[in-house]
Protein backbone atom coordinates (compact mmCIF):
# COMPACT_ATOMS: atom_id res chain seq x y z
CA UNK A 1 7.26 -48.89 9.28
CA UNK A 2 6.56 -45.15 9.32
CA UNK A 3 7.57 -42.83 12.13
CA UNK A 4 5.60 -39.86 13.38
CA UNK A 5 7.10 -36.93 15.22
CA UNK A 6 4.52 -35.76 17.73
CA UNK A 7 4.73 -33.07 20.41
CA UNK A 8 4.65 -34.30 23.98
CA UNK A 9 3.95 -32.31 27.14
CA UNK A 10 5.30 -33.77 30.38
CA UNK A 11 4.23 -32.34 33.72
CA UNK A 12 4.54 -33.38 37.35
CA UNK A 13 1.13 -33.70 39.02
CA UNK A 14 0.23 -35.24 42.36
CA UNK A 15 3.47 -37.23 42.80
CA UNK A 16 3.57 -38.64 39.27
CA UNK A 17 4.69 -37.55 35.82
CA UNK A 18 1.96 -37.16 33.20
CA UNK A 19 2.84 -37.25 29.50
CA UNK A 20 0.29 -35.98 26.99
CA UNK A 21 0.20 -35.56 23.24
CA UNK A 22 -1.96 -32.49 22.58
CA UNK A 23 -2.60 -33.54 18.97
CA UNK A 24 -4.31 -36.84 19.79
CA UNK A 25 -7.45 -36.93 21.88
CA UNK A 26 -7.09 -39.28 24.84
CA UNK A 27 -3.32 -39.70 24.48
CA UNK A 28 -1.87 -39.50 27.97
CA UNK A 29 0.09 -41.76 30.31
CA UNK A 30 1.65 -41.74 33.78
CA UNK A 31 5.07 -42.74 35.05
CA UNK A 32 7.44 -42.46 38.00
CA UNK A 33 9.92 -40.60 35.77
CA UNK A 34 9.49 -38.40 32.69
CA UNK A 35 11.12 -41.12 30.60
CA UNK A 36 8.72 -43.78 31.87
CA UNK A 37 5.71 -41.54 31.21
CA UNK A 38 6.96 -40.85 27.65
CA UNK A 39 7.53 -44.57 27.00
CA UNK A 40 4.03 -45.40 28.22
CA UNK A 41 2.61 -42.59 26.09
CA UNK A 42 4.30 -44.04 23.01
CA UNK A 43 2.44 -47.31 23.59
CA UNK A 44 -0.86 -45.49 24.14
CA UNK A 45 -0.44 -43.52 20.91
CA UNK A 46 0.32 -46.69 18.97
CA UNK A 47 -2.86 -48.31 20.35
CA UNK A 48 -4.99 -45.27 19.52
CA UNK A 49 -3.67 -45.06 15.96
CA UNK A 50 -4.10 -48.80 15.40
CA UNK A 51 -7.70 -48.57 16.65
CA UNK A 52 -8.39 -45.59 14.38
CA UNK A 53 -6.80 -47.40 11.42
CA UNK A 54 -9.02 -50.46 11.99
CA UNK A 55 -12.05 -48.17 11.95
CA UNK A 56 -10.87 -46.40 8.80
CA UNK A 57 -10.61 -43.20 10.83
CA UNK A 58 -6.82 -42.85 11.14
CA UNK A 59 -6.56 -39.23 9.98
CA UNK A 60 -9.01 -38.01 12.61
CA UNK A 61 -6.63 -39.22 15.33
CA UNK A 62 -4.33 -36.26 14.63
CA UNK A 63 -6.13 -33.08 15.69
CA UNK A 64 -5.25 -29.39 15.61
CA UNK A 65 -2.46 -28.41 18.01
CA UNK A 66 -3.52 -27.08 21.38
CA UNK A 67 -1.84 -24.21 23.18
CA UNK A 68 0.99 -25.54 25.35
CA UNK A 69 1.61 -23.89 28.72
CA UNK A 70 5.07 -22.35 28.95
CA UNK A 71 5.90 -23.94 32.33
CA UNK A 72 5.67 -27.46 30.94
CA UNK A 73 8.44 -29.57 29.43
CA UNK A 74 7.81 -30.12 25.71
CA UNK A 75 9.60 -32.81 23.76
CA UNK A 76 9.10 -34.94 20.67
CA UNK A 77 8.99 -38.74 20.67
CA UNK A 78 9.12 -41.10 17.72
CA UNK A 79 6.22 -43.51 17.31
CA UNK A 80 6.74 -46.43 14.94
CA UNK A 81 3.82 -47.60 12.85
């Protein structure tokens, strides 16, 4: 199993925490806590990468980094593959 270190942006929006990975299109998840949102995001990222791998398009899942707003919490999570 490989591990990826990916940047994660967690923000509080409309009574819920939203976790996003700016490097992977469509990688976002919600949670009642930042930890829950990050855990859900990990699962979403694993599903996206598995889907891309099945299509032979795994490398295109990791895109150029986007600018991260300074008022957001930024962390890194490990995603097993």
